[in-house]
Amino acid sequence: MPEERLRVVLINYTPNPEETIALAGRLCYSPVGVPQLREKMSDEEKKKLLKLLLAGGHHSPLEHANFTFAIEGISRACSHQLVRHRIASYSQQSQRYVSASDFGYIIPPEIAKDDELKASFIEDMRRFVQRYEFYVERLLAKGRDREQAQEDARFVLPNAAETKIVVSMNARELIHASNVRLCLRAQWEIRRLFEAVKKEVAVVAPTIAAYMVPKCDDKILGYCPEGKMSCGLVKTRKPS
């Protein structure tokens, strides 16, 4: 029953993602096709156009660039938030087909900082395993197969249980999800997740990554839309 750590790896992406977006954006206003545009446009022109598309709100070309991440070391509480971003594809480790008899778990930082709380938390995880195994064994004894036993026993597992998931998003959705999840009001774990996702994207698509910021950033809104729930670090918009 190990405590797990966040791991994010970009395992696949559209080749030349920023060039792909720029060419798609230029095609909308060009009498010639992409092969000619690719030869005609310099790298600097492509980069400049991409920035214009991002700044000007012409975001549909962003959907042509896709990114796939292998994510490990997040809690079920975090993955429940992640999958609410609907314009994406998800493949998640099953608690029905994979035994949780030795499940990993995530300890919230505030609990981890307190030795007494941390020890209590780890003991609670041990108890969850005991109860899980109790239900599995009793259900097996009743003639249920292992998959059926595990799918019922998993109901006692905590939100802290670690999960693994493969996620694919296009650049437009990545930016939107980051705008929401990098906000200081977002839950700490999913904020850390998108910070790690942004680092991976920055290696292959730095201009896209530059827009993966909280929605109050000057590149996005330039003000906080949270009203009375604002963190107070950025000005809010006054009601019109």
C-alpha atoms as a PDB file:
ATOM      1  CA  MET A   1       0.000   0.000   0.000  1.00  0.00           C
ATOM      2  CA  PRO A   2       2.348   2.754  -1.145  1.00  0.00           C
ATOM      3  CA  GLU A   3       1.795   6.490  -1.057  1.00  0.00           C
ATOM      4  CA  GLU A   4       1.826   7.516  -4.721  1.00  0.00           C
ATOM      5  CA  ARG A   5       3.364  10.557  -6.427  1.00  0.00           C
ATOM      6  CA  LEU A   6       2.093  12.428  -9.476  1.00  0.00           C
ATOM      7  CA  ARG A   7       3.601  11.390 -12.809  1.00  0.00           C
ATOM      8  CA  VAL A   8       2.619  12.903 -16.164  1.00  0.00           C
ATOM      9  CA  VAL A   9       4.169  11.881 -19.487  1.00  0.00           C
ATOM     10  CA  LEU A  10       3.249  13.196 -22.931  1.00  0.00           C
ATOM     11  CA  ILE A  11       3.194   9.895 -24.835  1.00  0.00           C
ATOM     12  CA  ASN A  12       1.946  11.129 -28.209  1.00  0.00           C
ATOM     13  CA  TYR A  13       1.004  14.323 -30.024  1.00  0.00           C
ATOM     14  CA  THR A  14       0.261  15.709 -33.468  1.00  0.00           C
ATOM     15  CA  PRO A  15       3.593  16.137 -35.289  1.00  0.00           C
ATOM     16  CA  ASN A  16       4.556  19.815 -35.556  1.00  0.00           C
ATOM     17  CA  PRO A  17       1.453  20.848 -33.597  1.00  0.00           C
ATOM     18  CA  GLU A  18       1.974  24.594 -33.810  1.00  0.00           C
ATOM     19  CA  GLU A  19       2.725  24.496 -37.531  1.00  0.00           C
ATOM     20  CA  THR A  20      -0.411  22.393 -38.059  1.00  0.00           C
ATOM     21  CA  ILE A  21      -2.530  24.997 -36.290  1.00  0.00           C
ATOM     22  CA  ALA A  22      -0.959  27.896 -38.179  1.00  0.00           C
ATOM     23  CA  LEU A  23      -1.460  26.245 -41.568  1.00  0.00           C
ATOM     24  CA  ALA A  24      -5.085  25.429 -40.752  1.00  0.00           C
ATOM     25  CA  GLY A  25      -5.665  29.012 -39.681  1.00  0.00           C
ATOM     26  CA  ARG A  26      -4.039  30.482 -42.804  1.00  0.00           C
ATOM     27  CA  LEU A  27      -5.990  28.145 -45.082  1.00  0.00           C
ATOM     28  CA  CYS A  28      -9.235  29.815 -44.006  1.00  0.00           C
ATOM     29  CA  TYR A  29      -8.111  32.982 -45.814  1.00  0.00           C
ATOM     30  CA  SER A  30      -5.952  31.551 -48.598  1.00  0.00           C
ATOM     31  CA  PRO A  31      -6.742  30.784 -52.264  1.00  0.00           C
ATOM     32  CA  VAL A  32      -4.068  28.067 -52.273  1.00  0.00           C
ATOM     33  CA  GLY A  33      -3.829  24.791 -50.380  1.00  0.00           C
ATOM     34  CA  VAL A  34      -1.742  23.644 -47.445  1.00  0.00           C
ATOM     35  CA  PRO A  35       1.187  22.196 -49.471  1.00  0.00           C
ATOM     36  CA  GLN A  36       1.783  25.588 -51.079  1.00  0.00           C
ATOM     37  CA  LEU A  37       1.297  27.397 -47.770  1.00  0.00           C
ATOM     38  CA  ARG A  38       3.813  25.142 -46.065  1.00  0.00           C
ATOM     39  CA  GLU A  39       6.441  26.047 -48.677  1.00  0.00           C
ATOM     40  CA  LYS A  40       5.516  29.717 -48.756  1.00  0.00           C
ATOM     41  CA  MET A  41       5.282  30.525 -45.036  1.00  0.00           C
ATOM     42  CA  SER A  42       8.447  30.924 -42.982  1.00  0.00           C
ATOM     43  CA  ASP A  43       8.698  29.531 -39.459  1.00  0.00           C
ATOM     44  CA  GLU A  44       8.497  33.071 -38.120  1.00  0.00           C
ATOM     45  CA  GLU A  45       5.309  33.754 -40.100  1.00  0.00           C
ATOM     46  CA  LYS A  46       3.743  30.573 -38.752  1.00  0.00           C
ATOM     47  CA  LYS A  47       4.640  31.508 -35.192  1.00  0.00           C
ATOM     48  CA  LYS A  48       3.287  35.037 -35.654  1.00  0.00           C
ATOM     49  CA  LEU A  49       0.029  33.731 -37.117  1.00  0.00           C
ATOM     50  CA  LEU A  50      -0.405  31.264 -34.262  1.00  0.00           C
ATOM     51  CA  LYS A  51      -0.099  34.100 -31.762  1.00  0.00           C
ATOM     52  CA  LEU A  52      -2.638  36.137 -33.731  1.00  0.00           C
ATOM     53  CA  LEU A  53      -5.085  33.224 -33.711  1.00  0.00           C
ATOM     54  CA  LEU A  54      -4.695  32.792 -29.968  1.00  0.00           C
ATOM     55  CA  ALA A  55      -4.946  36.477 -29.147  1.00  0.00           C
ATOM     56  CA  GLY A  56      -7.797  37.120 -31.572  1.00  0.00           C
ATOM     57  CA  GLY A  57     -10.046  34.325 -30.382  1.00  0.00           C
ATOM     58  CA  HIS A  58      -9.955  32.372 -33.663  1.00  0.00           C
ATOM     59  CA  HIS A  59      -9.569  29.102 -31.808  1.00  0.00           C
ATOM     60  CA  SER A  60     -11.116  26.457 -34.067  1.00  0.00           C
ATOM     61  CA  PRO A  61      -7.743  25.717 -35.788  1.00  0.00           C
ATOM     62  CA  LEU A  62      -6.398  24.714 -32.362  1.00  0.00           C
ATOM     63  CA  GLU A  63      -8.573  21.613 -32.516  1.00  0.00           C
ATOM     64  CA  HIS A  64      -6.294  20.093 -35.170  1.00  0.00           C
ATOM     65  CA  ALA A  65      -3.448  19.556 -32.676  1.00  0.00           C
ATOM     66  CA  ASN A  66      -3.920  16.707 -30.218  1.00  0.00           C
ATOM     67  CA  PHE A  67      -1.945  15.637 -27.165  1.00  0.00           C
ATOM     68  CA  THR A  68      -2.067  12.334 -25.280  1.00  0.00           C
ATOM     69  CA  PHE A  69      -0.850  12.002 -21.692  1.00  0.00           C
ATOM     70  CA  ALA A  70      -0.204   9.019 -19.433  1.00  0.00           C
ATOM     71  CA  ILE A  71      -1.118  10.141 -15.926  1.00  0.00           C
ATOM     72  CA  GLU A  72      -0.377   8.240 -12.724  1.00  0.00           C
ATOM     73  CA  GLY A  73      -0.382   9.084  -9.052  1.00  0.00           C
ATOM     74  CA  ILE A  74      -3.658  10.995  -8.875  1.00  0.00           C
ATOM     75  CA  SER A  75      -6.579  10.227  -6.610  1.00  0.00           C
ATOM     76  CA  ARG A  76     -10.030   9.180  -7.682  1.00  0.00           C
ATOM     77  CA  ALA A  77     -11.149  12.551  -6.283  1.00  0.00           C
ATOM     78  CA  CYS A  78      -8.910  14.226  -8.855  1.00  0.00           C
ATOM     79  CA  SER A  79      -9.907  12.005 -11.771  1.00  0.00           C
ATOM     80  CA  HIS A  80     -13.590  12.698 -11.053  1.00  0.00           C
ATOM     81  CA  GLN A  81     -12.837  16.383 -11.684  1.00  0.00           C
ATOM     82  CA  LEU A  82     -10.669  15.694 -14.718  1.00  0.00           C
ATOM     83  CA  VAL A  83     -13.279  13.709 -16.643  1.00  0.00           C
ATOM     84  CA  ARG A  84     -15.750  16.581 -16.365  1.00  0.00           C
ATOM     85  CA  HIS A  85     -13.838  18.143 -19.252  1.00  0.00           C
ATOM     86  CA  ARG A  86     -15.968  16.523 -21.917  1.00  0.00           C
ATOM     87  CA  ILE A  87     -14.089  17.381 -25.094  1.00  0.00           C
ATOM     88  CA  ALA A  88     -11.453  14.757 -24.403  1.00  0.00           C
ATOM     89  CA  SER A  89     -10.866  11.010 -24.494  1.00  0.00           C
ATOM     90  CA  TYR A  90     -10.199   8.960 -21.367  1.00  0.00           C
ATOM     91  CA  SER A  91      -9.068   5.394 -20.643  1.00  0.00           C
ATOM     92  CA  GLN A  92      -8.899   4.749 -16.899  1.00  0.00           C
ATOM     93  CA  GLN A  93      -7.630   1.838 -14.831  1.00  0.00           C
ATOM     94  CA  SER A  94     -10.617  -0.262 -13.769  1.00  0.00           C
ATOM     95  CA  GLN A  95     -11.380  -1.039 -10.127  1.00  0.00           C
ATOM     96  CA  ARG A  96     -13.482  -3.937 -11.378  1.00  0.00           C
ATOM     97  CA  TYR A  97     -10.797  -5.794 -13.312  1.00  0.00           C
ATOM     98  CA  VAL A  98      -7.788  -4.686 -11.234  1.00  0.00           C
ATOM     99  CA  SER A  99      -7.598  -5.826  -7.614  1.00  0.00           C
ATOM    100  CA  ALA A 100      -7.319  -3.052  -5.019  1.00  0.00           C
ATOM    101  CA  SER A 101      -5.878  -5.335  -2.330  1.00  0.00           C
ATOM    102  CA  ASP A 102      -2.672  -3.293  -2.361  1.00  0.00           C
ATOM    103  CA  PHE A 103      -4.008   0.013  -3.683  1.00  0.00           C
ATOM    104  CA  GLY A 104      -1.837   3.111  -3.650  1.00  0.00           C
ATOM    105  CA  TYR A 105      -3.177   6.343  -2.228  1.00  0.00           C
ATOM    106  CA  ILE A 106      -2.675  10.097  -2.248  1.00  0.00           C
ATOM    107  CA  ILE A 107      -2.158  12.000   1.016  1.00  0.00           C
ATOM    108  CA  PRO A 108      -3.333  15.646   0.955  1.00  0.00           C
ATOM    109  CA  PRO A 109      -0.417  18.015   1.742  1.00  0.00           C
ATOM    110  CA  GLU A 110      -2.049  19.550   4.819  1.00  0.00           C
ATOM    111  CA  ILE A 111      -2.466  16.088   6.312  1.00  0.00           C
ATOM    112  CA  ALA A 112       1.034  14.998   5.255  1.00  0.00           C
ATOM    113  CA  LYS A 113       2.586  17.966   7.105  1.00  0.00           C
ATOM    114  CA  ASP A 114       1.156  16.773  10.445  1.00  0.00           C
ATOM    115  CA  ASP A 115       2.831  13.571  11.661  1.00  0.00           C
ATOM    116  CA  GLU A 116      -0.134  12.520  13.797  1.00  0.00           C
ATOM    117  CA  LEU A 117      -2.657  13.134  11.036  1.00  0.00           C
ATOM    118  CA  LYS A 118      -0.470  11.404   8.468  1.00  0.00           C
ATOM    119  CA  ALA A 119      -0.076   8.305  10.633  1.00  0.00           C
ATOM    120  CA  SER A 120      -3.831   8.223  11.221  1.00  0.00           C
ATOM    121  CA  PHE A 121      -4.493   8.616   7.492  1.00  0.00           C
ATOM    122  CA  ILE A 122      -2.186   5.724   6.596  1.00  0.00           C
ATOM    123  CA  GLU A 123      -3.867   3.548   9.217  1.00  0.00           C
ATOM    124  CA  ASP A 124      -7.251   4.413   7.708  1.00  0.00           C
ATOM    125  CA  MET A 125      -5.976   3.284   4.301  1.00  0.00           C
ATOM    126  CA  ARG A 126      -4.913  -0.017   5.854  1.00  0.00           C
ATOM    127  CA  ARG A 127      -8.409  -0.464   7.291  1.00  0.00           C
ATOM    128  CA  PHE A 128      -9.984   0.218   3.905  1.00  0.00           C
ATOM    129  CA  VAL A 129      -7.879  -2.584   2.426  1.00  0.00           C
ATOM    130  CA  GLN A 130      -8.978  -4.947   5.173  1.00  0.00           C
ATOM    131  CA  ARG A 131     -12.647  -4.192   4.569  1.00  0.00           C
ATOM    132  CA  TYR A 132     -12.198  -4.446   0.806  1.00  0.00           C
ATOM    133  CA  GLU A 133     -10.581  -7.871   1.124  1.00  0.00           C
ATOM    134  CA  PHE A 134     -13.277  -8.971   3.575  1.00  0.00           C
ATOM    135  CA  TYR A 135     -16.021  -8.216   1.056  1.00  0.00           C
ATOM    136  CA  VAL A 136     -14.121  -9.791  -1.829  1.00  0.00           C
ATOM    137  CA  GLU A 137     -13.570 -13.040   0.069  1.00  0.00           C
ATOM    138  CA  ARG A 138     -17.152 -13.230   1.334  1.00  0.00           C
ATOM    139  CA  LEU A 139     -18.563 -12.616  -2.133  1.00  0.00           C
ATOM    140  CA  LEU A 140     -16.239 -15.206  -3.660  1.00  0.00           C
ATOM    141  CA  ALA A 141     -17.443 -17.673  -1.031  1.00  0.00           C
ATOM    142  CA  LYS A 142     -21.008 -16.966  -2.151  1.00  0.00           C
ATOM    143  CA  GLY A 143     -20.144 -18.069  -5.668  1.00  0.00           C
ATOM    144  CA  ARG A 144     -19.530 -14.694  -7.306  1.00  0.00           C
ATOM    145  CA  ASP A 145     -16.631 -14.592  -9.748  1.00  0.00           C
ATOM    146  CA  ARG A 146     -13.688 -12.325  -8.944  1.00  0.00           C
ATOM    147  CA  GLU A 147     -14.749  -9.499 -11.257  1.00  0.00           C
ATOM    148  CA  GLN A 148     -18.211  -9.414  -9.689  1.00  0.00           C
ATOM    149  CA  ALA A 149     -16.741  -9.544  -6.190  1.00  0.00           C
ATOM    150  CA  GLN A 150     -14.318  -6.706  -6.917  1.00  0.00           C
ATOM    151  CA  GLU A 151     -16.948  -4.516  -8.564  1.00  0.00           C
ATOM    152  CA  ASP A 152     -19.042  -4.659  -5.376  1.00  0.00           C
ATOM    153  CA  ALA A 153     -16.172  -4.519  -2.876  1.00  0.00           C
ATOM    154  CA  ARG A 154     -14.782  -1.369  -4.516  1.00  0.00           C
ATOM    155  CA  PHE A 155     -17.667   0.611  -3.011  1.00  0.00           C
ATOM    156  CA  VAL A 156     -15.714   0.781   0.275  1.00  0.00           C
ATOM    157  CA  LEU A 157     -12.599   2.258  -1.365  1.00  0.00           C
ATOM    158  CA  PRO A 158     -11.802   5.911  -0.551  1.00  0.00           C
ATOM    159  CA  ASN A 159     -11.475   8.913  -2.841  1.00  0.00           C
ATOM    160  CA  ALA A 160      -7.786   8.862  -1.877  1.00  0.00           C
ATOM    161  CA  ALA A 161      -7.254   5.659  -3.894  1.00  0.00           C
ATOM    162  CA  GLU A 162      -4.685   6.186  -6.650  1.00  0.00           C
ATOM    163  CA  THR A 163      -5.705   5.802 -10.268  1.00  0.00           C
ATOM    164  CA  LYS A 164      -3.965   5.716 -13.636  1.00  0.00           C
ATOM    165  CA  ILE A 165      -5.484   7.252 -16.750  1.00  0.00           C
ATOM    166  CA  VAL A 166      -4.633   8.064 -20.363  1.00  0.00           C
ATOM    167  CA  VAL A 167      -6.039  11.400 -21.521  1.00  0.00           C
ATOM    168  CA  SER A 168      -6.194  12.934 -24.994  1.00  0.00           C
ATOM    169  CA  MET A 169      -7.151  16.572 -25.553  1.00  0.00           C
ATOM    170  CA  ASN A 170      -6.825  18.971 -28.438  1.00  0.00           C
ATOM    171  CA  ALA A 171      -4.990  22.248 -27.924  1.00  0.00           C
ATOM    172  CA  ARG A 172      -8.189  24.271 -27.632  1.00  0.00           C
ATOM    173  CA  GLU A 173      -9.540  22.112 -24.810  1.00  0.00           C
ATOM    174  CA  LEU A 174      -6.134  21.979 -23.125  1.00  0.00           C
ATOM    175  CA  ILE A 175      -6.054  25.757 -22.948  1.00  0.00           C
ATOM    176  CA  HIS A 176      -9.630  25.958 -21.670  1.00  0.00           C
ATOM    177  CA  ALA A 177      -9.104  23.249 -19.038  1.00  0.00           C
ATOM    178  CA  SER A 178      -5.895  24.928 -17.878  1.00  0.00           C
ATOM    179  CA  ASN A 179      -7.615  28.318 -17.660  1.00  0.00           C
ATOM    180  CA  VAL A 180     -10.074  26.755 -15.209  1.00  0.00           C
ATOM    181  CA  ARG A 181      -7.862  24.312 -13.318  1.00  0.00           C
ATOM    182  CA  LEU A 182      -4.830  26.567 -12.802  1.00  0.00           C
ATOM    183  CA  CYS A 183      -7.015  29.111 -11.000  1.00  0.00           C
ATOM    184  CA  LEU A 184      -6.067  29.387  -7.316  1.00  0.00           C
ATOM    185  CA  ARG A 185      -9.639  28.449  -6.445  1.00  0.00           C
ATOM    186  CA  ALA A 186      -9.212  25.061  -8.096  1.00  0.00           C
ATOM    187  CA  GLN A 187      -8.545  22.063  -5.850  1.00  0.00           C
ATOM    188  CA  TRP A 188      -4.835  21.660  -5.092  1.00  0.00           C
ATOM    189  CA  GLU A 189      -4.407  18.254  -6.727  1.00  0.00           C
ATOM    190  CA  ILE A 190      -5.910  19.022 -10.117  1.00  0.00           C
ATOM    191  CA  ARG A 191      -4.009  22.316 -10.128  1.00  0.00           C
ATOM    192  CA  ARG A 192      -0.769  20.371  -9.684  1.00  0.00           C
ATOM    193  CA  LEU A 193      -1.867  18.000 -12.427  1.00  0.00           C
ATOM    194  CA  PHE A 194      -2.329  20.779 -14.973  1.00  0.00           C
ATOM    195  CA  GLU A 195       0.946  22.401 -13.938  1.00  0.00           C
ATOM    196  CA  ALA A 196       2.626  19.103 -14.849  1.00  0.00           C
ATOM    197  CA  VAL A 197       0.627  18.819 -18.081  1.00  0.00           C
ATOM    198  CA  LYS A 198       1.693  22.342 -19.044  1.00  0.00           C
ATOM    199  CA  LYS A 199       5.368  21.460 -18.542  1.00  0.00           C
ATOM    200  CA  GLU A 200       5.016  18.527 -20.913  1.00  0.00           C
ATOM    201  CA  VAL A 201       3.260  20.625 -23.568  1.00  0.00           C
ATOM    202  CA  ALA A 202       5.848  23.411 -23.291  1.00  0.00           C
ATOM    203  CA  VAL A 203       8.549  21.093 -24.647  1.00  0.00           C
ATOM    204  CA  VAL A 204       6.772  20.526 -27.985  1.00  0.00           C
ATOM    205  CA  ALA A 205       4.381  23.488 -28.240  1.00  0.00           C
ATOM    206  CA  PRO A 206       5.704  26.442 -26.213  1.00  0.00           C
ATOM    207  CA  THR A 207       3.319  29.008 -27.701  1.00  0.00           C
ATOM    208  CA  ILE A 208       0.321  26.850 -26.807  1.00  0.00           C
ATOM    209  CA  ALA A 209       1.713  26.284 -23.310  1.00  0.00           C
ATOM    210  CA  ALA A 210       2.049  30.038 -22.816  1.00  0.00           C
ATOM    211  CA  TYR A 211      -1.760  30.264 -22.966  1.00  0.00           C
ATOM    212  CA  MET A 212      -2.241  27.465 -20.437  1.00  0.00           C
ATOM    213  CA  VAL A 213      -2.668  29.936 -17.590  1.00  0.00           C
ATOM    214  CA  PRO A 214      -5.382  30.916 -15.092  1.00  0.00           C
ATOM    215  CA  LYS A 215      -8.325  32.603 -16.776  1.00  0.00           C
ATOM    216  CA  CYS A 216      -7.536  35.890 -15.000  1.00  0.00           C
ATOM    217  CA  ASP A 217      -4.209  36.147 -16.867  1.00  0.00           C
ATOM    218  CA  ASP A 218      -3.849  39.060 -19.288  1.00  0.00           C
ATOM    219  CA  LYS A 219      -3.637  36.593 -22.202  1.00  0.00           C
ATOM    220  CA  ILE A 220      -7.146  35.306 -21.436  1.00  0.00           C
ATOM    221  CA  LEU A 221      -9.527  37.654 -19.579  1.00  0.00           C
ATOM    222  CA  GLY A 222      -7.257  40.106 -17.798  1.00  0.00           C
ATOM    223  CA  TYR A 223      -9.585  40.147 -14.791  1.00  0.00           C
ATOM    224  CA  CYS A 224     -11.035  37.701 -12.288  1.00  0.00           C
ATOM    225  CA  PRO A 225     -14.582  36.526 -13.116  1.00  0.00           C
ATOM    226  CA  GLU A 226     -15.140  34.899  -9.707  1.00  0.00           C
ATOM    227  CA  GLY A 227     -16.730  37.949  -8.073  1.00  0.00           C
ATOM    228  CA  LYS A 228     -17.058  37.562  -4.296  1.00  0.00           C
ATOM    229  CA  MET A 229     -15.265  34.217  -4.483  1.00  0.00           C
ATOM    230  CA  SER A 230     -12.140  35.813  -5.986  1.00  0.00           C
ATOM    231  CA  CYS A 231      -8.777  35.078  -4.357  1.00  0.00           C
ATOM    232  CA  GLY A 232      -8.159  38.831  -4.387  1.00  0.00           C
ATOM    233  CA  LEU A 233      -4.868  38.735  -6.289  1.00  0.00           C
ATOM    234  CA  VAL A 234      -6.381  40.075  -9.519  1.00  0.00           C
ATOM    235  CA  LYS A 235      -9.023  42.750  -9.945  1.00  0.00           C
ATOM    236  CA  THR A 236     -12.565  41.615 -10.601  1.00  0.00           C
ATOM    237  CA  ARG A 237     -14.819  43.100 -13.244  1.00  0.00           C
ATOM    238  CA  LYS A 238     -17.380  45.551 -11.946  1.00  0.00           C
ATOM    239  CA  PRO A 239     -20.997  44.766 -12.893  1.00  0.00           C
ATOM    240  CA  SER A 240     -22.013  46.653 -16.049  1.00  0.00           C
END
